[in-house]
Amino acid sequence: MIIQHAILHILDTNTGSLIASQGEMNVDNVGVHEYIEKLVAKIYRGDLKTGTLVSGSYLDNMLKQDNFPEMTTQLAAKLFDTISVSETIPAGDLLSFQATVDEGAIFGLIKLNFGARYAHAVEYENDEMVNNLVLNQSILPAATQTVDEAVIVNLAESSYQLLEKKQIIDGHRVSYFSENFLEIKPEISAKENIQTIKRTVKTIAEKYDEPEHEVLAITQDVIYNSLAETGSISTDVIAEKVFGDNVSAKQEYQEKVTEKKLPKEVSVVNADKYEKKYRVQKFKLDSGIEISIPINVYQDLSKVEFVNNPDGTVTLMIKDIETILNKFSV
């Protein structure tokens, strides 16, 4: 990444102060460059929403301005006004940058939420030097911490990738970063689509008296294999694999996902992230026992088998064990 411009504006809603920087940061500073680069890498690994800027929209018009400090100051002022009306949105800094990556020129906005940290302070009391603790309420997050709100725009294609977290404004949880601030409408994220699939499967399974642990395990298995093979999730394949010969359940599931406007193929940004997340099946039994089973082992009946007993209980059989390692650690 080659960074051409970077600027930091302070949005301190705790004191009611917007402190807009008049000049840009020195992008030749190794620390500045490394910090921004690590934040961007962290963003790309997040639960991203994607979309394309509409010509003539607010953010599209802002990005056409030539004066980088002035343009970002206007953005900072609008974000400050947006978050000032909420008591739950944390104060922070707005980091804006423009850079060149392999895909071309990009523009980024990252909200860096303040955190409270203690630091030492050398003070003098009655001519004695005293090392005290001081609570600093305006510490910026480390580059390794999760970013809650950010947008990165591909300037050539006007496409963007967005991270955001819903916050309470006027008593309602809203996607304030995209809706109120940037005025964009991103596509539904992969995480939200997967949550919709999971809820729909559970609802249909309950109605047709299908064991929840089985249908959710199959759903996870299908998602894992789909991501490994194609990088997307097929709702039709889930219907076939999960509900099999139950034509009524299968049809109702497909009607529900259509009603909820899920695409037939759910595209997934960062497919490898979700593939890693779903490679282990996790179960919690009513006895309190929790068990994690690698998905390739779960698929092998010679290793693991769930047996439905006549009395309605389930027996979990773990087979072909050669060694057992206790994971006790200090």
Protein backbone atom coordinates (compact mmCIF):
# COMPACT_ATOMS: atom_id res chain seq x y z
CA MET A 1 0.00 0.00 0.00
CA ILE A 2 1.26 3.47 -0.93
CA ILE A 3 -0.42 6.20 1.13
CA GLN A 4 -0.67 9.64 -0.47
CA HIS A 5 -2.85 11.48 2.06
CA ALA A 6 -3.83 10.93 5.70
CA ILE A 7 -5.52 13.20 8.21
CA LEU A 8 -6.97 12.81 11.70
CA HIS A 9 -9.95 14.78 13.03
CA ILE A 10 -10.97 14.60 16.71
CA LEU A 11 -14.66 13.96 17.44
CA ASP A 12 -14.74 14.41 21.20
CA THR A 13 -18.45 14.30 21.97
CA ASN A 14 -17.58 13.87 25.66
CA THR A 15 -16.58 17.53 25.77
CA GLY A 16 -18.64 18.67 22.79
CA SER A 17 -15.50 19.45 20.79
CA LEU A 18 -14.84 18.88 17.09
CA ILE A 19 -11.14 19.55 16.54
CA ALA A 20 -10.53 19.43 12.82
CA SER A 21 -6.93 19.17 11.69
CA GLN A 22 -5.87 21.89 9.27
CA GLY A 23 -3.00 19.88 7.86
CA GLU A 24 -2.30 16.30 6.85
CA MET A 25 -0.16 13.80 8.71
CA ASN A 26 3.30 12.93 7.47
CA VAL A 27 2.67 9.69 5.56
CA ASP A 28 6.42 9.08 5.34
CA ASN A 29 6.36 8.46 9.07
CA VAL A 30 6.82 4.71 9.45
CA GLY A 31 4.52 4.56 12.47
CA VAL A 32 1.66 6.32 10.67
CA HIS A 33 2.01 4.13 7.59
CA GLU A 34 2.20 0.91 9.61
CA TYR A 35 -0.78 1.85 11.77
CA ILE A 36 -3.03 2.59 8.78
CA GLU A 37 -1.88 -0.49 6.89
CA LYS A 38 -2.64 -2.79 9.84
CA LEU A 39 -6.05 -1.19 10.36
CA VAL A 40 -6.93 -1.73 6.69
CA ALA A 41 -5.84 -5.37 6.88
CA LYS A 42 -8.05 -5.79 9.96
CA ILE A 43 -11.00 -4.21 8.15
CA TYR A 44 -10.68 -6.54 5.17
CA ARG A 45 -10.92 -9.51 7.56
CA GLY A 46 -14.14 -8.21 9.14
CA ASP A 47 -17.82 -8.89 8.46
CA LEU A 48 -17.96 -6.63 5.45
CA LYS A 49 -20.93 -5.21 3.62
CA THR A 50 -20.41 -4.26 0.00
CA GLY A 51 -22.04 -1.88 -2.46
CA THR A 52 -21.57 0.68 -5.23
CA LEU A 53 -21.83 4.45 -4.85
CA VAL A 54 -24.73 6.01 -6.72
CA SER A 55 -23.62 8.82 -9.01
CA GLY A 56 -24.52 12.17 -7.47
CA SER A 57 -24.99 10.73 -3.98
CA TYR A 58 -23.57 12.43 -0.90
CA LEU A 59 -20.37 10.40 -0.58
CA ASP A 60 -19.84 10.29 -4.34
CA ASN A 61 -19.97 14.10 -4.49
CA MET A 62 -17.68 14.46 -1.50
CA LEU A 63 -15.02 12.27 -3.08
CA LYS A 64 -14.96 14.47 -6.19
CA GLN A 65 -13.54 17.39 -4.19
CA ASP A 66 -9.87 18.20 -4.74
CA ASN A 67 -8.99 19.70 -1.35
CA PHE A 68 -8.36 16.66 0.88
CA PRO A 69 -8.24 18.49 4.26
CA GLU A 70 -11.37 20.50 3.45
CA MET A 71 -13.27 17.47 2.17
CA THR A 72 -12.43 15.34 5.19
CA THR A 73 -13.26 18.21 7.55
CA GLN A 74 -16.75 18.34 6.06
CA LEU A 75 -17.08 14.59 6.57
CA ALA A 76 -15.85 14.89 10.16
CA ALA A 77 -18.33 17.70 10.90
CA LYS A 78 -21.23 15.63 9.62
CA LEU A 79 -20.15 12.55 11.58
CA PHE A 80 -19.73 14.68 14.72
CA ASP A 81 -23.28 16.02 14.35
CA THR A 82 -24.55 12.48 13.71
CA ILE A 83 -23.03 10.91 16.83
CA SER A 84 -23.64 13.90 19.11
CA VAL A 85 -27.35 13.09 19.33
CA SER A 86 -26.67 9.67 20.87
CA GLU A 87 -25.43 8.91 24.37
CA THR A 88 -24.34 5.39 23.41
CA ILE A 89 -22.11 6.10 20.41
CA PRO A 90 -18.55 6.42 21.70
CA ALA A 91 -16.43 9.49 21.01
CA GLY A 92 -13.41 8.98 18.80
CA ASP A 93 -11.24 10.21 15.97
CA LEU A 94 -11.99 10.06 12.27
CA LEU A 95 -9.00 8.81 10.29
CA SER A 96 -9.23 9.58 6.58
CA PHE A 97 -6.70 8.45 3.99
CA GLN A 98 -6.12 8.01 0.29
CA ALA A 99 -3.81 5.31 -1.00
CA THR A 100 -2.89 3.10 -3.92
CA VAL A 101 -3.15 -0.68 -3.68
CA ASP A 102 -2.90 -3.46 -6.27
CA GLU A 103 -6.54 -2.88 -7.25
CA GLY A 104 -5.99 0.86 -7.79
CA ALA A 105 -6.70 4.05 -5.85
CA ILE A 106 -8.75 3.80 -2.64
CA PHE A 107 -10.20 6.22 -0.13
CA GLY A 108 -10.78 5.18 3.46
CA LEU A 109 -12.64 6.46 6.50
CA ILE A 110 -12.06 4.76 9.83
CA LYS A 111 -13.74 5.77 13.10
CA LEU A 112 -11.31 5.12 15.93
CA ASN A 113 -13.28 4.87 19.16
CA PHE A 114 -11.70 6.22 22.31
CA GLY A 115 -10.84 3.84 25.11
CA ALA A 116 -9.89 4.53 28.73
CA ARG A 117 -6.39 3.52 29.84
CA TYR A 118 -4.29 4.29 32.90
CA ALA A 119 -0.88 5.87 32.46
CA HIS A 120 1.76 7.06 34.87
CA ALA A 121 2.39 10.73 35.48
CA VAL A 122 5.33 12.30 37.28
CA GLU A 123 4.11 15.07 39.57
CA TYR A 124 5.49 17.14 42.45
CA GLU A 125 3.71 17.47 45.79
CA ASN A 126 5.33 19.59 48.51
CA ASP A 127 8.64 19.48 46.64
CA GLU A 128 8.49 15.68 46.49
CA MET A 129 8.36 13.79 43.22
CA VAL A 130 5.33 11.45 43.17
CA ASN A 131 4.54 8.91 40.47
CA ASN A 132 0.76 8.92 40.08
CA LEU A 133 -1.78 7.03 38.01
CA VAL A 134 -3.78 9.09 35.53
CA LEU A 135 -6.82 7.85 33.63
CA ASN A 136 -6.67 8.93 29.98
CA GLN A 137 -10.13 8.76 28.40
CA SER A 138 -8.94 9.38 24.83
CA ILE A 139 -6.68 6.45 23.98
CA LEU A 140 -6.95 5.28 20.37
CA PRO A 141 -7.31 1.55 19.68
CA ALA A 142 -4.29 -0.58 18.84
CA ALA A 143 -3.92 -1.60 15.20
CA THR A 144 -4.73 -5.18 16.21
CA GLN A 145 -8.09 -4.29 17.76
CA THR A 146 -11.42 -4.74 16.02
CA VAL A 147 -12.68 -1.77 14.00
CA ASP A 148 -16.42 -1.10 14.42
CA GLU A 149 -17.02 1.49 11.69
CA ALA A 150 -15.10 2.03 8.46
CA VAL A 151 -15.56 2.33 4.73
CA ILE A 152 -13.02 1.77 1.97
CA VAL A 153 -13.94 2.98 -1.52
CA ASN A 154 -12.37 1.80 -4.76
CA LEU A 155 -12.20 5.16 -6.52
CA ALA A 156 -11.99 3.73 -10.05
CA GLU A 157 -15.02 1.46 -9.69
CA SER A 158 -16.97 3.45 -7.06
CA SER A 159 -17.42 0.18 -5.17
CA TYR A 160 -17.02 0.09 -1.42
CA GLN A 161 -16.57 -2.24 1.52
CA LEU A 162 -18.15 -1.26 4.80
CA LEU A 163 -17.92 -2.20 8.46
CA GLU A 164 -20.52 -0.87 10.87
CA LYS A 165 -22.18 -1.50 14.19
CA LYS A 166 -25.76 -0.55 15.00
CA GLN A 167 -26.18 2.09 17.69
CA ILE A 168 -29.14 3.61 19.51
CA ILE A 169 -30.40 6.97 18.19
CA ASP A 170 -33.75 8.35 19.37
CA GLY A 171 -34.54 5.02 21.00
CA HIS A 172 -33.96 2.94 17.88
CA ARG A 173 -31.03 0.73 16.90
CA VAL A 174 -29.88 2.04 13.53
CA SER A 175 -27.01 1.55 11.12
CA TYR A 176 -26.05 5.17 11.66
CA PHE A 177 -22.68 5.00 9.90
CA SER A 178 -24.12 4.03 6.51
CA GLU A 179 -27.62 5.53 6.77
CA ASN A 180 -27.23 8.77 8.73
CA PHE A 181 -23.61 9.62 7.98
CA LEU A 182 -22.54 8.27 4.59
CA GLU A 183 -26.08 8.05 3.12
CA ILE A 184 -25.40 4.75 1.36
CA LYS A 185 -27.36 1.49 1.19
CA PRO A 186 -24.98 -1.48 1.28
CA GLU A 187 -25.98 -5.00 0.42
CA ILE A 188 -26.85 -7.32 3.30
CA SER A 189 -23.73 -8.79 4.85
CA ALA A 190 -22.83 -12.48 4.68
CA LYS A 191 -23.19 -12.69 8.46
CA GLU A 192 -26.76 -11.38 8.35
CA ASN A 193 -27.65 -13.72 5.48
CA ILE A 194 -26.26 -16.73 7.35
CA GLN A 195 -28.22 -15.69 10.46
CA THR A 196 -31.39 -15.56 8.33
CA ILE A 197 -30.68 -19.02 6.93
CA LYS A 198 -30.12 -20.40 10.43
CA ARG A 199 -33.31 -18.86 11.84
CA THR A 200 -35.35 -20.13 8.88
CA VAL A 201 -33.98 -23.66 9.18
CA LYS A 202 -34.77 -23.70 12.93
CA THR A 203 -38.32 -22.45 12.35
CA ILE A 204 -39.09 -25.05 9.67
CA ALA A 205 -37.42 -27.85 11.62
CA GLU A 206 -39.51 -27.04 14.69
CA LYS A 207 -42.72 -27.03 12.68
CA TYR A 208 -42.01 -30.40 11.10
CA ASP A 209 -40.59 -31.97 14.28
CA GLU A 210 -37.06 -32.33 12.89
CA PRO A 211 -34.29 -32.59 15.55
CA GLU A 212 -32.76 -29.12 15.82
CA HIS A 213 -29.22 -30.33 16.48
CA GLU A 214 -29.32 -32.46 13.34
CA VAL A 215 -30.68 -29.86 10.93
CA LEU A 216 -28.31 -27.16 12.20
CA ALA A 217 -25.35 -29.52 11.97
CA ILE A 218 -26.28 -30.38 8.38
CA THR A 219 -26.75 -26.68 7.60
CA GLN A 220 -23.29 -25.87 8.95
CA ASP A 221 -21.84 -28.78 6.99
CA VAL A 222 -23.43 -27.52 3.75
CA ILE A 223 -22.22 -23.96 4.36
CA TYR A 224 -18.69 -25.16 5.09
CA ASN A 225 -18.50 -27.32 1.96
CA SER A 226 -20.09 -24.63 -0.24
CA LEU A 227 -17.58 -22.02 0.90
CA ALA A 228 -14.68 -24.42 0.36
CA GLU A 229 -15.85 -25.27 -3.15
CA THR A 230 -17.37 -22.06 -4.53
CA GLY A 231 -16.91 -19.26 -1.99
CA SER A 232 -20.69 -18.80 -1.83
CA ILE A 233 -23.72 -20.46 -0.20
CA SER A 234 -26.55 -22.06 -2.17
CA THR A 235 -29.94 -21.85 -0.45
CA ASP A 236 -31.26 -24.56 -2.79
CA VAL A 237 -28.50 -26.98 -1.75
CA ILE A 238 -29.34 -26.30 1.91
CA ALA A 239 -33.00 -27.14 1.19
CA GLU A 240 -32.02 -30.44 -0.46
CA LYS A 241 -29.44 -31.52 2.11
CA VAL A 242 -31.29 -30.43 5.24
CA PHE A 243 -34.86 -31.45 4.47
CA GLY A 244 -34.22 -34.25 1.96
CA ASP A 245 -37.43 -36.16 1.19
CA ASN A 246 -39.62 -33.89 3.30
CA VAL A 247 -41.14 -32.11 0.33
CA SER A 248 -43.43 -29.88 2.39
CA ALA A 249 -40.62 -28.68 4.67
CA LYS A 250 -38.34 -28.12 1.71
CA GLN A 251 -40.98 -26.09 -0.14
CA GLU A 252 -41.81 -23.99 2.90
CA TYR A 253 -38.13 -23.29 3.54
CA GLN A 254 -37.69 -22.08 -0.05
CA GLU A 255 -40.78 -19.89 0.27
CA LYS A 256 -39.44 -18.36 3.47
CA VAL A 257 -36.00 -17.52 2.06
CA THR A 258 -37.65 -16.02 -1.04
CA GLU A 259 -39.94 -13.98 1.19
CA LYS A 260 -36.88 -12.73 3.10
CA LYS A 261 -35.22 -11.81 -0.21
CA LEU A 262 -32.25 -14.12 0.16
CA PRO A 263 -30.52 -14.70 -3.18
CA LYS A 264 -30.22 -18.25 -4.49
CA GLU A 265 -26.46 -17.87 -4.22
CA VAL A 266 -25.33 -15.92 -1.17
CA SER A 267 -21.96 -14.37 -1.98
CA VAL A 268 -19.51 -14.26 0.91
CA VAL A 269 -16.71 -11.74 1.28
CA ASN A 270 -13.84 -13.30 3.24
CA ALA A 271 -15.11 -16.82 2.57
CA ASP A 272 -11.98 -18.28 4.19
CA LYS A 273 -12.93 -16.58 7.48
CA TYR A 274 -16.30 -18.33 7.59
CA GLU A 275 -14.84 -21.57 6.30
CA LYS A 276 -12.46 -21.54 9.27
CA LYS A 277 -15.29 -20.64 11.65
CA TYR A 278 -17.49 -23.55 10.52
CA ARG A 279 -14.87 -26.28 10.26
CA VAL A 280 -15.76 -27.46 13.79
CA GLN A 281 -19.21 -28.63 14.91
CA LYS A 282 -20.01 -27.60 18.49
CA PHE A 283 -22.68 -29.18 20.68
CA LYS A 284 -23.89 -28.55 24.23
CA LEU A 285 -25.79 -31.38 25.92
CA ASP A 286 -28.44 -30.99 28.62
CA SER A 287 -26.01 -32.66 31.03
CA GLY A 288 -23.70 -29.67 30.66
CA ILE A 289 -21.22 -31.55 28.49
CA GLU A 290 -19.83 -29.48 25.62
CA ILE A 291 -18.14 -31.13 22.69
CA SER A 292 -16.33 -29.88 19.57
CA ILE A 293 -16.02 -32.17 16.57
CA PRO A 294 -13.95 -31.36 13.45
CA ILE A 295 -16.35 -31.39 10.52
CA ASN A 296 -14.44 -34.08 8.61
CA VAL A 297 -14.71 -36.33 11.70
CA TYR A 298 -18.38 -35.49 12.19
CA GLN A 299 -19.08 -36.69 8.65
CA ASP A 300 -17.42 -40.07 9.34
CA LEU A 301 -19.86 -42.54 10.94
CA SER A 302 -16.97 -44.79 11.87
CA LYS A 303 -15.79 -42.02 14.22
CA VAL A 304 -18.95 -40.27 15.48
CA GLU A 305 -22.61 -41.23 15.46
CA PHE A 306 -25.79 -39.80 16.97
CA VAL A 307 -28.31 -42.56 17.71
CA ASN A 308 -32.00 -41.74 18.28
CA ASN A 309 -33.34 -44.01 21.03
CA PRO A 310 -36.96 -45.30 21.21
CA ASP A 311 -37.57 -43.32 24.42
CA GLY A 312 -36.80 -40.04 22.66
CA THR A 313 -33.31 -39.58 24.05
CA VAL A 314 -30.17 -39.41 21.93
CA THR A 315 -26.96 -41.35 22.39
CA LEU A 316 -23.71 -39.83 21.14
CA MET A 317 -21.22 -42.51 20.19
CA ILE A 318 -17.54 -41.62 19.79
CA LYS A 319 -15.74 -44.55 18.20
CA ASP A 320 -12.31 -45.85 17.29
CA ILE A 321 -10.38 -43.92 19.98
CA GLU A 322 -6.70 -44.77 20.23
CA THR A 323 -5.49 -42.08 22.63
CA ILE A 324 -7.05 -39.50 24.94
CA LEU A 325 -5.24 -36.26 25.81
CA ASN A 326 -6.40 -34.23 28.79
CA LYS A 327 -6.34 -30.49 27.92
CA PHE A 328 -5.80 -29.34 31.51
CA SER A 329 -3.62 -26.25 31.45
CA VAL A 330 -2.40 -23.64 33.90
